[in-house]
C-alpha atoms as a PDB file:
ATOM      1  CA  MET A   1     -45.835 -90.633 125.043  1.00  0.00           C
ATOM      2  CA  LYS A   2     -47.572 -94.279 125.740  1.00  0.00           C
ATOM      3  CA  GLU A   3     -45.485 -96.142 123.007  1.00  0.00           C
ATOM      4  CA  SER A   4     -42.388 -94.804 124.586  1.00  0.00           C
ATOM      5  CA  TYR A   5     -43.148 -95.804 127.903  1.00  0.00           C
ATOM      6  CA  VAL A   6     -43.542 -99.341 126.536  1.00  0.00           C
ATOM      7  CA  LEU A   7     -40.611 -99.418 124.604  1.00  0.00           C
ATOM      8  CA  ILE A   8     -38.590 -97.968 127.728  1.00  0.00           C
ATOM      9  CA  VAL A   9     -39.870-100.850 129.653  1.00  0.00           C
ATOM     10  CA  THR A  10     -38.850-103.305 126.858  1.00  0.00           C
ATOM     11  CA  VAL A  11     -35.893-102.279 126.701  1.00  0.00           C
ATOM     12  CA  LEU A  12     -35.040-102.688 130.737  1.00  0.00           C
ATOM     13  CA  PHE A  13     -36.946-105.747 130.951  1.00  0.00           C
ATOM     14  CA  MET A  14     -34.536-107.488 127.991  1.00  0.00           C
ATOM     15  CA  SER A  15     -31.095-106.338 129.378  1.00  0.00           C
ATOM     16  CA  PHE A  16     -32.671-107.353 133.015  1.00  0.00           C
ATOM     17  CA  ALA A  17     -33.070-110.943 131.242  1.00  0.00           C
ATOM     18  CA  MET A  18     -29.768-110.852 129.266  1.00  0.00           C
ATOM     19  CA  GLY A  19     -27.871-109.694 132.295  1.00  0.00           C
ATOM     20  CA  ARG A  20     -29.311-112.990 133.643  1.00  0.00           C
ATOM     21  CA  GLU A  21     -28.140-115.397 131.316  1.00  0.00           C
ATOM     22  CA  LEU A  22     -24.774-113.899 130.910  1.00  0.00           C
ATOM     23  CA  LEU A  23     -24.383-113.880 134.521  1.00  0.00           C
ATOM     24  CA  ALA A  24     -25.956-117.968 134.540  1.00  0.00           C
ATOM     25  CA  ASN A  25     -23.203-118.867 131.828  1.00  0.00           C
ATOM     26  CA  ASN A  26     -20.009-116.861 133.731  1.00  0.00           C
ATOM     27  CA  PRO A  27     -20.126-118.078 137.135  1.00  0.00           C
ATOM     28  CA  GLN A  28     -17.774-116.665 139.453  1.00  0.00           C
ATOM     29  CA  PRO A  29     -14.421-117.398 139.645  1.00  0.00           C
ATOM     30  CA  PRO A  30     -13.653-120.089 142.240  1.00  0.00           C
ATOM     31  CA  ASN A  31     -11.913-119.157 145.631  1.00  0.00           C
ATOM     32  CA  LEU A  32      -8.422-120.127 144.901  1.00  0.00           C
ATOM     33  CA  PRO A  33      -5.294-119.141 147.105  1.00  0.00           C
ATOM     34  CA  GLU A  34      -3.703-116.193 146.417  1.00  0.00           C
ATOM     35  CA  VAL A  35      -1.052-116.193 143.938  1.00  0.00           C
ATOM     36  CA  GLY A  36       2.719-115.778 145.462  1.00  0.00           C
ATOM     37  CA  PRO A  37       6.149-117.710 144.820  1.00  0.00           C
ATOM     38  CA  SER A  38       6.437-121.474 144.202  1.00  0.00           C
ATOM     39  CA  VAL A  39       8.315-123.814 146.584  1.00  0.00           C
ATOM     40  CA  ILE A  40       8.665-127.748 146.787  1.00  0.00           C
ATOM     41  CA  ARG A  41       7.541-129.223 149.864  1.00  0.00           C
ATOM     42  CA  LEU A  42       9.334-132.412 150.875  1.00  0.00           C
ATOM     43  CA  PRO A  43       6.984-135.249 151.541  1.00  0.00           C
ATOM     44  CA  ALA A  44       7.263-136.543 155.426  1.00  0.00           C
ATOM     45  CA  GLN A  45       8.327-140.352 154.987  1.00  0.00           C
ATOM     46  CA  ILE A  46       7.041-143.115 156.778  1.00  0.00           C
ATOM     47  CA  LYS A  47       7.418-146.905 157.025  1.00  0.00           C
ATOM     48  CA  SER A  48       4.520-148.593 155.539  1.00  0.00           C
ATOM     49  CA  LYS A  49       3.883-150.660 158.934  1.00  0.00           C
ATOM     50  CA  ASP A  50       3.336-147.136 160.677  1.00  0.00           C
ATOM     51  CA  ILE A  51       0.331-146.410 158.636  1.00  0.00           C
ATOM     52  CA  SER A  52      -2.558-148.419 156.500  1.00  0.00           C
ATOM     53  CA  LEU A  53      -4.750-146.494 153.426  1.00  0.00           C
ATOM     54  CA  SER A  54      -8.430-146.541 153.753  1.00  0.00           C
ATOM     55  CA  VAL A  55      -9.943-148.232 150.951  1.00  0.00           C
ATOM     56  CA  PRO A  56     -13.581-149.556 149.923  1.00  0.00           C
ATOM     57  CA  LYS A  57     -14.698-152.731 151.933  1.00  0.00           C
ATOM     58  CA  GLU A  58     -14.017-155.474 149.967  1.00  0.00           C
ATOM     59  CA  PHE A  59     -10.678-153.898 148.646  1.00  0.00           C
ATOM     60  CA  GLU A  60      -7.161-154.215 149.865  1.00  0.00           C
ATOM     61  CA  VAL A  61      -3.834-152.401 149.365  1.00  0.00           C
ATOM     62  CA  ASP A  62      -0.319-154.525 149.738  1.00  0.00           C
ATOM     63  CA  LEU A  63       2.990-154.175 148.397  1.00  0.00           C
ATOM     64  CA  PHE A  64       2.944-155.995 144.963  1.00  0.00           C
ATOM     65  CA  ILE A  65       6.463-155.367 143.287  1.00  0.00           C
ATOM     66  CA  ASP A  66       9.063-152.999 144.459  1.00  0.00           C
ATOM     67  CA  GLY A  67      12.562-151.925 143.316  1.00  0.00           C
ATOM     68  CA  LEU A  68      11.253-150.346 139.925  1.00  0.00           C
ATOM     69  CA  ASN A  69      13.318-147.454 138.585  1.00  0.00           C
ATOM     70  CA  SER A  70      10.739-144.822 138.100  1.00  0.00           C
ATOM     71  CA  PRO A  71       7.796-146.801 136.648  1.00  0.00           C
ATOM     72  CA  ARG A  72       5.419-144.339 134.788  1.00  0.00           C
ATOM     73  CA  TRP A  73       2.374-146.116 133.373  1.00  0.00           C
ATOM     74  CA  LEU A  74       0.842-149.459 133.411  1.00  0.00           C
ATOM     75  CA  LEU A  75      -0.657-151.627 130.613  1.00  0.00           C
ATOM     76  CA  VAL A  76      -2.857-154.682 131.582  1.00  0.00           C
ATOM     77  CA  LEU A  77      -2.210-157.369 128.685  1.00  0.00           C
ATOM     78  CA  PRO A  78      -5.194-159.920 127.808  1.00  0.00           C
ATOM     79  CA  ASN A  79      -3.511-162.357 129.354  1.00  0.00           C
ATOM     80  CA  GLY A  80      -3.359-161.176 133.134  1.00  0.00           C
ATOM     81  CA  ASP A  81       0.165-160.029 132.797  1.00  0.00           C
ATOM     82  CA  PHE A  82       1.389-156.815 132.545  1.00  0.00           C
ATOM     83  CA  LEU A  83       3.969-153.983 130.869  1.00  0.00           C
ATOM     84  CA  VAL A  84       4.921-151.030 133.003  1.00  0.00           C
ATOM     85  CA  SER A  85       7.106-148.055 131.127  1.00  0.00           C
ATOM     86  CA  GLN A  86      10.472-146.865 133.006  1.00  0.00           C
ATOM     87  CA  SER A  87      11.120-143.300 131.953  1.00  0.00           C
ATOM     88  CA  ARG A  88      12.244-139.717 133.917  1.00  0.00           C
ATOM     89  CA  THR A  89      12.686-135.795 133.661  1.00  0.00           C
ATOM     90  CA  GLU A  90      16.199-135.761 132.748  1.00  0.00           C
ATOM     91  CA  SER A  91      16.329-131.700 132.949  1.00  0.00           C
ATOM     92  CA  LEU A  92      14.096-128.958 133.069  1.00  0.00           C
ATOM     93  CA  PRO A  93      15.164-125.640 131.424  1.00  0.00           C
ATOM     94  CA  GLY A  94      15.130-122.578 133.091  1.00  0.00           C
ATOM     95  CA  MET A  95      14.705-124.442 136.635  1.00  0.00           C
ATOM     96  CA  PRO A  96      16.673-123.269 139.091  1.00  0.00           C
ATOM     97  CA  GLU A  97      20.192-125.310 139.961  1.00  0.00           C
ATOM     98  CA  GLU A  98      19.154-125.847 143.788  1.00  0.00           C
ATOM     99  CA  THR A  99      15.616-127.086 142.798  1.00  0.00           C
ATOM    100  CA  VAL A 100      17.660-129.282 139.943  1.00  0.00           C
ATOM    101  CA  LYS A 101      19.622-130.701 142.929  1.00  0.00           C
ATOM    102  CA  LEU A 102      16.737-131.477 145.189  1.00  0.00           C
ATOM    103  CA  LEU A 103      14.803-133.014 142.702  1.00  0.00           C
ATOM    104  CA  THR A 104      17.536-134.856 141.262  1.00  0.00           C
ATOM    105  CA  SER A 105      18.358-136.281 144.897  1.00  0.00           C
ATOM    106  CA  MET A 106      14.787-137.568 144.760  1.00  0.00           C
ATOM    107  CA  ASN A 107      15.044-139.819 141.641  1.00  0.00           C
ATOM    108  CA  ILE A 108      12.437-137.192 140.519  1.00  0.00           C
ATOM    109  CA  PHE A 109      15.025-135.897 137.732  1.00  0.00           C
ATOM    110  CA  GLY A 110      18.159-137.938 136.468  1.00  0.00           C
ATOM    111  CA  PRO A 111      19.054-140.210 133.556  1.00  0.00           C
ATOM    112  CA  SER A 112      15.861-142.009 132.566  1.00  0.00           C
ATOM    113  CA  PRO A 113      15.820-145.925 132.334  1.00  0.00           C
ATOM    114  CA  ASN A 114      14.128-145.834 129.023  1.00  0.00           C
ATOM    115  CA  ASN A 115      12.828-149.389 129.167  1.00  0.00           C
ATOM    116  CA  ILE A 116       9.578-151.702 129.105  1.00  0.00           C
ATOM    117  CA  LEU A 117       9.058-154.018 131.993  1.00  0.00           C
ATOM    118  CA  TYR A 118       7.010-157.045 131.777  1.00  0.00           C
ATOM    119  CA  ILE A 119       5.278-158.667 134.671  1.00  0.00           C
ATOM    120  CA  ASP A 120       4.784-162.122 134.487  1.00  0.00           C
ATOM    121  CA  LEU A 121       1.428-163.580 136.597  1.00  0.00           C
ATOM    122  CA  GLN A 122       1.208-166.912 135.498  1.00  0.00           C
ATOM    123  CA  ASN A 123       3.096-168.525 138.461  1.00  0.00           C
ATOM    124  CA  LYS A 124       2.698-167.996 142.062  1.00  0.00           C
ATOM    125  CA  GLU A 125       5.337-165.484 142.352  1.00  0.00           C
ATOM    126  CA  PRO A 126       5.514-162.523 139.723  1.00  0.00           C
ATOM    127  CA  LYS A 127       8.860-162.628 137.594  1.00  0.00           C
ATOM    128  CA  VAL A 128       9.755-159.298 136.257  1.00  0.00           C
ATOM    129  CA  LYS A 129      12.027-158.937 133.020  1.00  0.00           C
ATOM    130  CA  VAL A 130      13.287-156.085 130.680  1.00  0.00           C
ATOM    131  CA  ILE A 131      11.432-156.801 127.041  1.00  0.00           C
ATOM    132  CA  LEU A 132      12.822-153.489 125.650  1.00  0.00           C
ATOM    133  CA  GLU A 133      15.618-150.974 126.203  1.00  0.00           C
ATOM    134  CA  ASN A 134      17.304-148.003 124.846  1.00  0.00           C
ATOM    135  CA  LEU A 135      14.187-146.094 124.148  1.00  0.00           C
ATOM    136  CA  ASN A 136      13.700-142.413 124.208  1.00  0.00           C
ATOM    137  CA  GLN A 137      11.112-141.542 127.684  1.00  0.00           C
ATOM    138  CA  PRO A 138       8.491-144.049 126.801  1.00  0.00           C
ATOM    139  CA  PHE A 139       5.504-143.859 128.476  1.00  0.00           C
ATOM    140  CA  GLY A 140       1.885-144.485 127.196  1.00  0.00           C
ATOM    141  CA  MET A 141       1.634-148.449 125.693  1.00  0.00           C
ATOM    142  CA  LEU A 142      -1.345-149.881 123.713  1.00  0.00           C
ATOM    143  CA  TYR A 143      -1.894-153.677 122.736  1.00  0.00           C
ATOM    144  CA  LEU A 144      -3.833-154.430 119.712  1.00  0.00           C
ATOM    145  CA  ASN A 145      -4.089-157.891 117.366  1.00  0.00           C
ATOM    146  CA  GLU A 146      -0.758-158.946 118.670  1.00  0.00           C
ATOM    147  CA  GLU A 147       1.024-155.875 117.866  1.00  0.00           C
ATOM    148  CA  LEU A 148       2.468-153.393 120.697  1.00  0.00           C
ATOM    149  CA  PHE A 149       2.628-149.789 120.670  1.00  0.00           C
ATOM    150  CA  ILE A 150       4.856-147.642 122.535  1.00  0.00           C
ATOM    151  CA  ALA A 151       4.971-143.931 122.603  1.00  0.00           C
ATOM    152  CA  ASN A 152       8.261-142.330 123.354  1.00  0.00           C
ATOM    153  CA  THR A 153       8.494-138.460 123.301  1.00  0.00           C
ATOM    154  CA  ASP A 154       9.584-137.912 120.045  1.00  0.00           C
ATOM    155  CA  SER A 155       7.554-140.669 118.040  1.00  0.00           C
ATOM    156  CA  ILE A 156       5.605-144.312 118.360  1.00  0.00           C
ATOM    157  CA  ILE A 157       7.083-147.586 117.813  1.00  0.00           C
ATOM    158  CA  LYS A 158       4.881-151.094 116.839  1.00  0.00           C
ATOM    159  CA  TYR A 159       6.339-153.894 117.538  1.00  0.00           C
ATOM    160  CA  ASP A 160       5.372-157.427 116.689  1.00  0.00           C
ATOM    161  CA  PHE A 161       4.499-159.114 120.148  1.00  0.00           C
ATOM    162  CA  LYS A 162       3.069-162.471 119.195  1.00  0.00           C
ATOM    163  CA  GLY A 163       2.951-165.128 121.792  1.00  0.00           C
ATOM    164  CA  TYR A 164       3.638-161.981 124.412  1.00  0.00           C
ATOM    165  CA  LYS A 165       6.889-161.831 122.942  1.00  0.00           C
ATOM    166  CA  ILE A 166       8.806-159.078 121.045  1.00  0.00           C
ATOM    167  CA  GLN A 167       9.760-160.451 118.010  1.00  0.00           C
ATOM    168  CA  GLY A 168      12.398-158.210 115.725  1.00  0.00           C
ATOM    169  CA  LYS A 169      13.092-154.525 115.751  1.00  0.00           C
ATOM    170  CA  GLY A 170      10.116-152.161 115.732  1.00  0.00           C
ATOM    171  CA  LYS A 171       8.667-149.833 112.679  1.00  0.00           C
ATOM    172  CA  LYS A 172       7.953-145.939 113.674  1.00  0.00           C
ATOM    173  CA  ILE A 173       5.186-145.398 112.529  1.00  0.00           C
ATOM    174  CA  ILE A 174       4.874-141.282 113.182  1.00  0.00           C
ATOM    175  CA  SER A 175       7.230-139.009 114.788  1.00  0.00           C
ATOM    176  CA  LEU A 176       5.781-136.527 117.669  1.00  0.00           C
ATOM    177  CA  PRO A 177       7.091-133.113 118.751  1.00  0.00           C
ATOM    178  CA  ALA A 178       9.598-133.227 121.024  1.00  0.00           C
ATOM    179  CA  GLY A 179      10.966-129.404 121.458  1.00  0.00           C
ATOM    180  CA  PRO A 180      13.242-128.326 122.318  1.00  0.00           C
ATOM    181  CA  PRO A 181      11.576-127.262 124.410  1.00  0.00           C
ATOM    182  CA  ASN A 182      10.032-130.377 125.608  1.00  0.00           C
ATOM    183  CA  ASN A 183       8.646-129.383 129.532  1.00  0.00           C
ATOM    184  CA  HIS A 184       6.039-131.832 129.063  1.00  0.00           C
ATOM    185  CA  TRP A 185       7.321-135.177 127.573  1.00  0.00           C
ATOM    186  CA  THR A 186       4.946-137.513 128.630  1.00  0.00           C
ATOM    187  CA  ARG A 187       2.942-139.514 125.621  1.00  0.00           C
ATOM    188  CA  ASN A 188      -0.338-141.297 126.263  1.00  0.00           C
ATOM    189  CA  ILE A 189      -2.099-143.366 123.695  1.00  0.00           C
ATOM    190  CA  ILE A 190      -5.357-145.362 123.785  1.00  0.00           C
ATOM    191  CA  LEU A 191      -7.691-146.924 120.755  1.00  0.00           C
ATOM    192  CA  ASN A 192     -10.900-144.349 119.913  1.00  0.00           C
ATOM    193  CA  GLU A 193     -14.011-145.286 120.611  1.00  0.00           C
ATOM    194  CA  ASP A 194     -14.299-147.456 117.140  1.00  0.00           C
ATOM    195  CA  GLY A 195     -11.115-149.193 117.755  1.00  0.00           C
ATOM    196  CA  ASP A 196      -9.616-148.126 114.527  1.00  0.00           C
ATOM    197  CA  LYS A 197      -7.878-144.682 115.392  1.00  0.00           C
ATOM    198  CA  ILE A 198      -5.176-143.885 118.180  1.00  0.00           C
ATOM    199  CA  LEU A 199      -5.606-141.023 120.348  1.00  0.00           C
ATOM    200  CA  VAL A 200      -2.313-139.375 121.221  1.00  0.00           C
ATOM    201  CA  ALA A 201      -1.582-137.102 124.291  1.00  0.00           C
ATOM    202  CA  ILE A 202       0.566-134.263 123.675  1.00  0.00           C
ATOM    203  CA  GLY A 203       1.322-131.484 126.609  1.00  0.00           C
ATOM    204  CA  SER A 204       3.010-128.229 125.615  1.00  0.00           C
ATOM    205  CA  GLY A 205       6.451-127.452 124.900  1.00  0.00           C
ATOM    206  CA  THR A 206       6.568-124.550 127.653  1.00  0.00           C
ATOM    207  CA  ASN A 207       5.329-123.318 130.881  1.00  0.00           C
ATOM    208  CA  VAL A 208       2.555-120.518 129.601  1.00  0.00           C
ATOM    209  CA  ASN A 209       4.066-120.189 126.263  1.00  0.00           C
ATOM    210  CA  GLU A 210       6.198-117.588 126.952  1.00  0.00           C
ATOM    211  CA  GLU A 211       8.349-116.480 123.836  1.00  0.00           C
ATOM    212  CA  GLY A 212       5.296-116.843 121.415  1.00  0.00           C
ATOM    213  CA  THR A 213       6.655-119.748 119.574  1.00  0.00           C
ATOM    214  CA  ASP A 214       4.782-123.144 121.001  1.00  0.00           C
ATOM    215  CA  ASP A 215       4.558-125.816 118.525  1.00  0.00           C
ATOM    216  CA  LEU A 216       0.430-125.446 117.807  1.00  0.00           C
ATOM    217  CA  THR A 217       0.195-128.998 117.229  1.00  0.00           C
ATOM    218  CA  ARG A 218       0.918-129.682 120.772  1.00  0.00           C
ATOM    219  CA  ALA A 219      -1.179-129.178 124.028  1.00  0.00           C
ATOM    220  CA  ALA A 220      -3.228-131.350 122.343  1.00  0.00           C
ATOM    221  CA  ILE A 221      -4.614-134.801 121.871  1.00  0.00           C
ATOM    222  CA  TRP A 222      -4.154-135.937 117.880  1.00  0.00           C
ATOM    223  CA  GLU A 223      -5.873-139.021 116.286  1.00  0.00           C
ATOM    224  CA  ILE A 224      -3.629-140.819 113.972  1.00  0.00           C
ATOM    225  CA  ASN A 225      -4.326-143.922 111.920  1.00  0.00           C
ATOM    226  CA  LEU A 226      -3.151-147.225 113.054  1.00  0.00           C
ATOM    227  CA  ASP A 227      -0.381-147.062 110.450  1.00  0.00           C
ATOM    228  CA  GLY A 228       0.457-143.279 111.450  1.00  0.00           C
ATOM    229  CA  GLU A 229       0.150-142.278 107.648  1.00  0.00           C
ATOM    230  CA  GLU A 230      -2.678-139.704 108.628  1.00  0.00           C
ATOM    231  CA  LYS A 231      -2.909-137.385 111.339  1.00  0.00           C
ATOM    232  CA  ARG A 232      -5.344-134.550 112.612  1.00  0.00           C
ATOM    233  CA  LEU A 233      -6.036-132.098 115.674  1.00  0.00           C
ATOM    234  CA  PHE A 234      -8.994-133.931 117.823  1.00  0.00           C
ATOM    235  CA  ALA A 235      -8.583-131.419 120.554  1.00  0.00           C
ATOM    236  CA  THR A 236      -6.768-128.611 121.527  1.00  0.00           C
ATOM    237  CA  GLY A 237      -5.700-125.991 124.043  1.00  0.00           C
ATOM    238  CA  LEU A 238      -4.792-128.629 126.742  1.00  0.00           C
ATOM    239  CA  ARG A 239      -1.526-127.546 128.660  1.00  0.00           C
ATOM    240  CA  ASN A 240      -0.659-131.059 129.464  1.00  0.00           C
ATOM    241  CA  PRO A 241      -3.273-133.688 129.355  1.00  0.00           C
ATOM    242  CA  VAL A 242      -1.968-136.910 131.209  1.00  0.00           C
ATOM    243  CA  GLY A 243      -4.200-140.306 131.065  1.00  0.00           C
ATOM    244  CA  LEU A 244      -6.577-140.752 128.548  1.00  0.00           C
ATOM    245  CA  ALA A 245     -10.166-143.055 129.453  1.00  0.00           C
ATOM    246  CA  PHE A 246     -13.189-143.583 127.974  1.00  0.00           C
ATOM    247  CA  GLU A 247     -15.695-143.634 131.182  1.00  0.00           C
ATOM    248  CA  PRO A 248     -17.365-146.985 130.290  1.00  0.00           C
ATOM    249  CA  ILE A 249     -20.907-146.520 130.362  1.00  0.00           C
ATOM    250  CA  THR A 250     -20.968-143.294 128.314  1.00  0.00           C
ATOM    251  CA  ASP A 251     -17.825-143.748 126.130  1.00  0.00           C
ATOM    252  CA  ARG A 252     -17.481-140.133 126.350  1.00  0.00           C
ATOM    253  CA  LEU A 253     -13.651-139.195 126.551  1.00  0.00           C
ATOM    254  CA  TRP A 254     -11.788-137.927 129.367  1.00  0.00           C
ATOM    255  CA  THR A 255      -8.399-136.407 130.377  1.00  0.00           C
ATOM    256  CA  THR A 256      -6.463-134.759 133.265  1.00  0.00           C
ATOM    257  CA  VAL A 257      -4.826-131.690 132.336  1.00  0.00           C
ATOM    258  CA  ASN A 258      -1.680-130.121 134.858  1.00  0.00           C
ATOM    259  CA  GLU A 259      -1.888-126.375 134.389  1.00  0.00           C
ATOM    260  CA  ARG A 260       0.729-124.028 134.507  1.00  0.00           C
ATOM    261  CA  ASP A 261       3.296-123.745 137.152  1.00  0.00           C
ATOM    262  CA  GLY A 262       4.972-120.698 139.059  1.00  0.00           C
ATOM    263  CA  LEU A 263       1.947-119.254 140.654  1.00  0.00           C
ATOM    264  CA  GLY A 264       1.934-121.218 143.921  1.00  0.00           C
ATOM    265  CA  GLU A 265       0.279-123.989 144.901  1.00  0.00           C
ATOM    266  CA  GLY A 266      -3.141-124.955 143.698  1.00  0.00           C
ATOM    267  CA  VAL A 267      -2.993-121.712 141.232  1.00  0.00           C
ATOM    268  CA  PRO A 268      -4.877-122.612 138.931  1.00  0.00           C
ATOM    269  CA  PRO A 269      -5.934-125.604 139.599  1.00  0.00           C
ATOM    270  CA  ASP A 270      -5.602-128.947 137.763  1.00  0.00           C
ATOM    271  CA  PHE A 271      -8.116-130.335 136.368  1.00  0.00           C
ATOM    272  CA  LEU A 272     -10.119-133.603 135.002  1.00  0.00           C
ATOM    273  CA  THR A 273     -12.322-132.790 131.897  1.00  0.00           C
ATOM    274  CA  GLU A 274     -14.585-134.193 129.302  1.00  0.00           C
ATOM    275  CA  ILE A 275     -12.930-134.262 125.761  1.00  0.00           C
ATOM    276  CA  LYS A 276     -14.902-133.250 123.011  1.00  0.00           C
ATOM    277  CA  GLU A 277     -14.144-133.878 119.352  1.00  0.00           C
ATOM    278  CA  GLY A 278     -12.911-130.643 117.626  1.00  0.00           C
ATOM    279  CA  ALA A 279     -13.230-128.543 121.129  1.00  0.00           C
ATOM    280  CA  PHE A 280     -10.815-125.818 122.590  1.00  0.00           C
ATOM    281  CA  TYR A 281     -10.032-125.836 125.818  1.00  0.00           C
ATOM    282  CA  GLY A 282      -7.888-122.695 126.468  1.00  0.00           C
ATOM    283  CA  TRP A 283      -4.154-123.066 126.614  1.00  0.00           C
ATOM    284  CA  PRO A 284      -2.297-120.748 126.292  1.00  0.00           C
ATOM    285  CA  TYR A 285      -4.781-117.877 127.072  1.00  0.00           C
ATOM    286  CA  ALA A 286      -7.103-119.676 129.816  1.00  0.00           C
END
C-alpha cells in the first residue's frame, strides 16, 4: 500500500511538472482583433507643410527627391551614390474589380516601370538617370566587386558595373519561381555572412495555398552561389519575407514577414523574426 501511494504521488508530481513545462513552451495566443471582412482604408492626404515627423535628436527629415515612379528599394553604393529600383504590382487574380480600380487610381496597381535609377550625389544637386530598363519587376539589388546583381521577379541578372556604369548586356545567373500565380513578386538579395553566396527572399505564389499547389520552393529564403550554378533552401515556411539584413553586432539574419490577407485588419499580424539556417517557420500550416 505504501509503495502504491508513493508511486501515485510521484506520477502526480511528474504530471504537474510536465504540465507547467508545456504551458511555458506554449504561451497563450496574442489578443488580436476579431476575424472579419477585409477593407481598404484610404489614407488621409496632408500637405508636408502642415505636419512634421518626430525623429531622434540630431536627425532630420526633408524632401530629397520627388517625382519618382513607384520606387521600391534602395542600394547605397561605396562611392555614396545610390540606386533605386522602380516596379509595381500589375495585377492580382481574385481581387474584386472595384478594389483593383481603386488601387490603380492610387498608382499601387498598374503598369510597372521596370527600371533602375542611378542617383548621382557627387555634385550639390542630385542627378537622376535611368541606367537599366525593360526589366521584369526588379526589386533587390547587390553590388560586389564591380558587378551589379538585379533581382527581377523571375531571375537574377548580373551586370558588369566598372566605374559605376553598366558595361554591355547582363547575364542571367539563375531563374526564380514566378508562377502563375505570383502574388508575391518582390525578391530581396543580400550577401551571406561569409560574403561568398547570395541569399534570396521569395514569397509564396498564393495567399494561403488555397489550391494546395503552391511551389514548395517558394515562401522561403534561398542560398545560391555567386554564379547561380548551385542553390539550396536556407529557411522555409515564410509566407512573404520582405527585407533581409544582418544585425551588425551579432551578425544574426533578420527579415519581416507579411502574413495572410482577407481576415481583417491585423489578423494575423505581420512580424519581424530572426532567420536560422534550416528552420521552418510554419507557412502554410500556421
